[in-house]
């Protein structure tokens, strides 16, 4: 029997990341910690925030454009493109704040 091992996907840690996830139907912001519909109609999941990425030659973490969510059963993190969540990322500032 294969055991599934849940691994955590890095999430950008700063609330002021410079981007926000917006519901494609209502236009309302989806905030980290908010419950949203699961894309395949199997209940609800928790939005955790955008992924983390770095640019070549620059180790400063930046927010990615992939949404990280948490399932409760089984307890695991997963990543979806915003369109899979009927959402989109919008810029909120011209320069995201760096975290240290």
N, C-alpha and C. Protein backbone atom coordinates (compact mmCIF):
# COMPACT_ATOMS: atom_id res chain seq x y z
N UNK A 1 0.84 -1.18 0.00
CA UNK A 1 0.00 0.00 0.00
C UNK A 1 0.89 1.25 0.00
N UNK A 2 0.57 2.20 -0.85
CA UNK A 2 1.32 3.45 -0.90
C UNK A 2 0.73 4.44 0.09
N UNK A 3 1.57 5.02 0.92
CA UNK A 3 1.12 6.05 1.85
C UNK A 3 1.36 7.41 1.23
N UNK A 4 0.33 8.26 1.27
CA UNK A 4 0.46 9.62 0.76
C UNK A 4 1.08 10.48 1.84
N UNK A 5 2.14 11.17 1.51
CA UNK A 5 2.81 12.06 2.46
C UNK A 5 2.50 13.49 2.05
N UNK A 6 1.82 14.20 2.92
CA UNK A 6 1.47 15.60 2.64
C UNK A 6 2.72 16.46 2.76
N UNK A 7 2.96 17.26 1.78
CA UNK A 7 4.09 18.18 1.81
C UNK A 7 3.54 19.60 1.73
N UNK A 8 4.20 20.48 2.43
CA UNK A 8 3.76 21.86 2.45
C UNK A 8 4.34 22.60 1.24
N UNK A 9 3.52 23.38 0.58
CA UNK A 9 3.96 24.19 -0.56
C UNK A 9 4.27 25.58 -0.02
N UNK A 10 5.45 26.13 -0.31
CA UNK A 10 5.77 27.47 0.21
C UNK A 10 4.77 28.52 -0.25
N UNK A 11 4.32 29.31 0.71
CA UNK A 11 3.36 30.39 0.47
C UNK A 11 4.05 31.70 0.80
N UNK A 12 3.83 32.72 -0.04
CA UNK A 12 4.44 34.02 0.22
C UNK A 12 3.96 34.51 1.58
N UNK A 13 4.89 34.84 2.48
CA UNK A 13 4.52 35.09 3.88
C UNK A 13 3.98 36.48 4.21
N UNK A 14 4.05 37.41 3.31
CA UNK A 14 3.70 38.80 3.62
C UNK A 14 2.28 39.11 3.18
N UNK A 15 1.45 39.64 4.09
CA UNK A 15 0.08 40.02 3.74
C UNK A 15 0.05 41.10 2.67
N UNK A 16 1.08 41.96 2.63
CA UNK A 16 1.16 43.03 1.65
C UNK A 16 2.09 42.60 0.51
N UNK A 17 1.68 41.56 -0.20
CA UNK A 17 2.53 40.97 -1.23
C UNK A 17 2.57 41.77 -2.52
N UNK A 18 1.64 42.69 -2.69
CA UNK A 18 1.58 43.46 -3.93
C UNK A 18 0.62 42.87 -4.94
N UNK A 19 0.01 41.71 -4.61
CA UNK A 19 -1.01 41.12 -5.46
C UNK A 19 -2.15 40.64 -4.57
N UNK A 20 -3.32 40.49 -5.18
CA UNK A 20 -4.45 39.94 -4.44
C UNK A 20 -5.23 39.03 -5.36
N UNK A 21 -5.82 37.99 -4.78
CA UNK A 21 -6.65 37.06 -5.53
C UNK A 21 -8.07 37.60 -5.52
N UNK A 22 -8.69 37.68 -6.70
CA UNK A 22 -10.02 38.26 -6.85
C UNK A 22 -10.95 37.22 -7.46
N UNK A 23 -12.14 37.07 -6.86
CA UNK A 23 -13.16 36.15 -7.36
C UNK A 23 -13.61 36.62 -8.74
N UNK A 24 -13.62 35.70 -9.70
CA UNK A 24 -13.97 36.04 -11.07
C UNK A 24 -15.42 36.39 -11.27
N UNK A 25 -16.29 35.96 -10.37
CA UNK A 25 -17.72 36.24 -10.49
C UNK A 25 -18.12 37.51 -9.77
N UNK A 26 -17.69 37.64 -8.52
CA UNK A 26 -18.13 38.77 -7.70
C UNK A 26 -17.19 39.97 -7.74
N UNK A 27 -15.92 39.75 -8.09
CA UNK A 27 -14.93 40.83 -8.06
C UNK A 27 -14.41 41.10 -6.67
N UNK A 28 -14.86 40.33 -5.66
CA UNK A 28 -14.40 40.50 -4.28
C UNK A 28 -13.05 39.83 -4.07
N UNK A 29 -12.25 40.43 -3.19
CA UNK A 29 -10.95 39.85 -2.87
C UNK A 29 -11.14 38.56 -2.07
N UNK A 30 -10.32 37.55 -2.40
CA UNK A 30 -10.26 36.31 -1.63
C UNK A 30 -9.01 36.43 -0.78
N UNK A 31 -9.18 36.46 0.53
CA UNK A 31 -8.06 36.70 1.43
C UNK A 31 -7.50 35.39 1.97
N UNK A 32 -6.19 35.37 2.28
CA UNK A 32 -5.61 34.18 2.89
C UNK A 32 -6.40 33.80 4.15
N UNK A 33 -6.68 32.51 4.29
CA UNK A 33 -7.46 32.00 5.40
C UNK A 33 -8.94 31.85 5.08
N UNK A 34 -9.36 32.39 3.94
CA UNK A 34 -10.77 32.35 3.55
C UNK A 34 -11.10 31.00 2.91
N UNK A 35 -12.28 30.46 3.23
CA UNK A 35 -12.76 29.23 2.61
C UNK A 35 -13.38 29.57 1.25
N UNK A 36 -13.06 28.73 0.25
CA UNK A 36 -13.59 28.91 -1.10
C UNK A 36 -14.04 27.55 -1.63
N UNK A 37 -14.88 27.54 -2.68
CA UNK A 37 -15.31 26.26 -3.25
C UNK A 37 -14.13 25.49 -3.86
N UNK A 38 -14.13 24.20 -3.66
CA UNK A 38 -13.12 23.33 -4.27
C UNK A 38 -13.43 23.24 -5.76
N UNK A 39 -12.42 23.32 -6.64
CA UNK A 39 -12.69 23.39 -8.08
C UNK A 39 -13.47 22.22 -8.67
N UNK A 40 -13.40 21.06 -8.04
CA UNK A 40 -14.07 19.89 -8.59
C UNK A 40 -15.40 19.60 -7.91
N UNK A 41 -15.90 20.57 -7.11
CA UNK A 41 -17.20 20.43 -6.49
C UNK A 41 -17.24 19.49 -5.29
N UNK A 42 -16.11 19.29 -4.65
CA UNK A 42 -16.04 18.37 -3.51
C UNK A 42 -15.94 19.11 -2.18
N UNK A 43 -16.69 20.15 -2.02
CA UNK A 43 -16.67 20.86 -0.75
C UNK A 43 -15.93 22.18 -0.82
N UNK A 44 -15.25 22.50 0.29
CA UNK A 44 -14.57 23.79 0.39
C UNK A 44 -13.11 23.57 0.78
N UNK A 45 -12.28 24.52 0.39
CA UNK A 45 -10.85 24.51 0.69
C UNK A 45 -10.47 25.88 1.24
N UNK A 46 -9.32 25.97 1.86
CA UNK A 46 -8.85 27.23 2.43
C UNK A 46 -7.75 27.82 1.56
N UNK A 47 -7.95 29.06 1.13
CA UNK A 47 -6.92 29.76 0.35
C UNK A 47 -5.82 30.20 1.31
N UNK A 48 -4.57 29.84 1.01
CA UNK A 48 -3.44 30.19 1.87
C UNK A 48 -2.66 31.40 1.38
N UNK A 49 -2.63 31.64 0.08
CA UNK A 49 -1.88 32.76 -0.48
C UNK A 49 -1.17 32.34 -1.76
N UNK A 50 -0.42 33.27 -2.36
CA UNK A 50 0.32 32.94 -3.58
C UNK A 50 1.59 32.16 -3.27
N UNK A 51 2.06 31.44 -4.26
CA UNK A 51 3.33 30.73 -4.13
C UNK A 51 4.48 31.73 -4.01
N UNK A 52 5.67 31.23 -3.76
CA UNK A 52 6.88 32.04 -3.64
C UNK A 52 7.79 31.71 -4.82
N UNK A 53 8.41 32.72 -5.38
CA UNK A 53 9.42 32.47 -6.41
C UNK A 53 10.53 33.50 -6.29
N UNK A 54 11.65 33.21 -6.93
CA UNK A 54 12.77 34.15 -6.99
C UNK A 54 13.17 34.31 -8.45
N UNK A 55 13.73 35.46 -8.76
CA UNK A 55 14.23 35.71 -10.11
C UNK A 55 15.67 35.26 -10.19
N UNK A 56 16.11 34.85 -11.37
CA UNK A 56 17.50 34.45 -11.54
C UNK A 56 18.44 35.54 -11.08
N UNK A 57 19.37 35.19 -10.21
CA UNK A 57 20.37 36.13 -9.74
C UNK A 57 19.91 37.02 -8.60
N UNK A 58 18.66 36.93 -8.21
CA UNK A 58 18.13 37.75 -7.12
C UNK A 58 17.43 36.83 -6.12
N UNK A 59 17.99 36.66 -4.93
CA UNK A 59 17.41 35.72 -3.97
C UNK A 59 16.18 36.27 -3.22
N UNK A 60 15.77 37.50 -3.50
CA UNK A 60 14.63 38.09 -2.81
C UNK A 60 13.35 37.33 -3.16
N UNK A 61 12.64 36.81 -2.16
CA UNK A 61 11.39 36.11 -2.46
C UNK A 61 10.32 37.07 -2.97
N UNK A 62 9.57 36.61 -3.95
CA UNK A 62 8.50 37.41 -4.55
C UNK A 62 7.25 36.54 -4.63
N UNK A 63 6.07 37.18 -4.65
CA UNK A 63 4.84 36.39 -4.77
C UNK A 63 4.70 35.82 -6.18
N UNK A 64 4.33 34.55 -6.25
CA UNK A 64 4.06 33.93 -7.54
C UNK A 64 2.61 34.18 -7.94
N UNK A 65 2.21 33.61 -9.04
CA UNK A 65 0.84 33.80 -9.54
C UNK A 65 0.08 32.47 -9.55
N UNK A 66 0.46 31.57 -8.63
CA UNK A 66 -0.23 30.31 -8.44
C UNK A 66 -0.79 30.32 -7.03
N UNK A 67 -2.04 29.91 -6.86
CA UNK A 67 -2.71 29.94 -5.56
C UNK A 67 -2.46 28.64 -4.80
N UNK A 68 -2.07 28.77 -3.54
CA UNK A 68 -1.89 27.61 -2.68
C UNK A 68 -3.12 27.50 -1.78
N UNK A 69 -3.68 26.28 -1.71
CA UNK A 69 -4.86 26.03 -0.90
C UNK A 69 -4.59 24.84 0.02
N UNK A 70 -5.43 24.70 1.04
CA UNK A 70 -5.31 23.57 1.96
C UNK A 70 -6.62 22.79 1.97
N UNK A 71 -6.46 21.49 1.76
CA UNK A 71 -7.57 20.55 1.93
C UNK A 71 -7.54 20.06 3.37
N UNK A 72 -8.71 19.77 3.92
CA UNK A 72 -8.73 19.26 5.29
C UNK A 72 -8.71 17.74 5.33
N UNK A 73 -9.31 17.07 4.35
CA UNK A 73 -9.32 15.61 4.33
C UNK A 73 -8.96 15.12 2.95
N UNK A 74 -7.81 14.53 2.75
CA UNK A 74 -6.72 14.46 3.71
C UNK A 74 -6.06 15.83 3.86
N UNK A 75 -5.46 16.06 5.00
CA UNK A 75 -4.81 17.35 5.27
C UNK A 75 -3.60 17.50 4.37
N UNK A 76 -3.72 18.33 3.37
CA UNK A 76 -2.63 18.54 2.42
C UNK A 76 -2.78 19.90 1.74
N UNK A 77 -1.66 20.44 1.31
CA UNK A 77 -1.67 21.68 0.53
C UNK A 77 -1.65 21.31 -0.95
N UNK A 78 -2.24 22.17 -1.76
CA UNK A 78 -2.30 21.95 -3.19
C UNK A 78 -2.16 23.29 -3.88
N UNK A 79 -1.77 23.30 -5.13
CA UNK A 79 -1.63 24.55 -5.88
C UNK A 79 -2.53 24.51 -7.11
N UNK A 80 -3.19 25.63 -7.36
CA UNK A 80 -4.07 25.77 -8.52
C UNK A 80 -3.75 27.07 -9.24
N UNK A 81 -3.90 27.05 -10.55
CA UNK A 81 -3.89 28.31 -11.29
C UNK A 81 -5.14 29.08 -10.89
N UNK A 82 -5.07 30.40 -10.82
CA UNK A 82 -6.23 31.18 -10.42
C UNK A 82 -7.49 30.86 -11.24
N UNK A 83 -7.34 30.63 -12.53
CA UNK A 83 -8.50 30.34 -13.37
C UNK A 83 -9.20 29.06 -12.94
N UNK A 84 -8.46 28.11 -12.37
CA UNK A 84 -9.08 26.87 -11.89
C UNK A 84 -9.97 27.13 -10.67
N UNK A 85 -9.74 28.27 -10.00
CA UNK A 85 -10.52 28.66 -8.84
C UNK A 85 -11.56 29.73 -9.20
N UNK A 86 -11.75 29.96 -10.51
CA UNK A 86 -12.63 31.03 -11.00
C UNK A 86 -12.21 32.37 -10.38
N UNK A 87 -10.90 32.63 -10.45
CA UNK A 87 -10.34 33.85 -9.86
C UNK A 87 -9.20 34.35 -10.74
N UNK A 88 -8.64 35.48 -10.32
CA UNK A 88 -7.48 36.04 -11.02
C UNK A 88 -6.66 36.82 -10.00
N UNK A 89 -5.37 36.96 -10.27
CA UNK A 89 -4.52 37.82 -9.44
C UNK A 89 -4.50 39.21 -10.04
N UNK A 90 -4.57 40.21 -9.17
CA UNK A 90 -4.46 41.61 -9.58
C UNK A 90 -3.33 42.26 -8.81
N UNK A 91 -2.61 43.16 -9.47
CA UNK A 91 -1.56 43.92 -8.79
C UNK A 91 -2.20 44.96 -7.87
N UNK A 92 -1.63 45.12 -6.67
CA UNK A 92 -2.11 46.14 -5.74
C UNK A 92 -1.11 47.26 -5.56
N UNK A 93 0.12 47.02 -5.98
CA UNK A 93 1.16 48.05 -5.91
C UNK A 93 2.15 47.79 -7.03
N UNK A 94 3.01 48.75 -7.28
CA UNK A 94 3.98 48.58 -8.35
C UNK A 94 5.17 47.74 -7.93
N UNK A 95 5.48 47.70 -6.64
CA UNK A 95 6.63 46.95 -6.15
C UNK A 95 6.23 46.14 -4.93
N UNK A 96 6.25 44.77 -5.03
CA UNK A 96 5.94 43.99 -3.84
C UNK A 96 7.01 44.18 -2.77
N UNK A 97 6.58 44.16 -1.51
CA UNK A 97 7.53 44.29 -0.41
C UNK A 97 8.33 43.02 -0.27
N UNK A 98 9.61 43.16 -0.05
CA UNK A 98 10.48 42.02 0.18
C UNK A 98 10.35 41.58 1.64
N UNK A 99 10.52 40.29 1.87
CA UNK A 99 10.52 39.79 3.24
C UNK A 99 11.91 39.31 3.58
N UNK A 100 12.26 39.45 4.82
CA UNK A 100 13.59 39.02 5.26
C UNK A 100 13.45 38.13 6.45
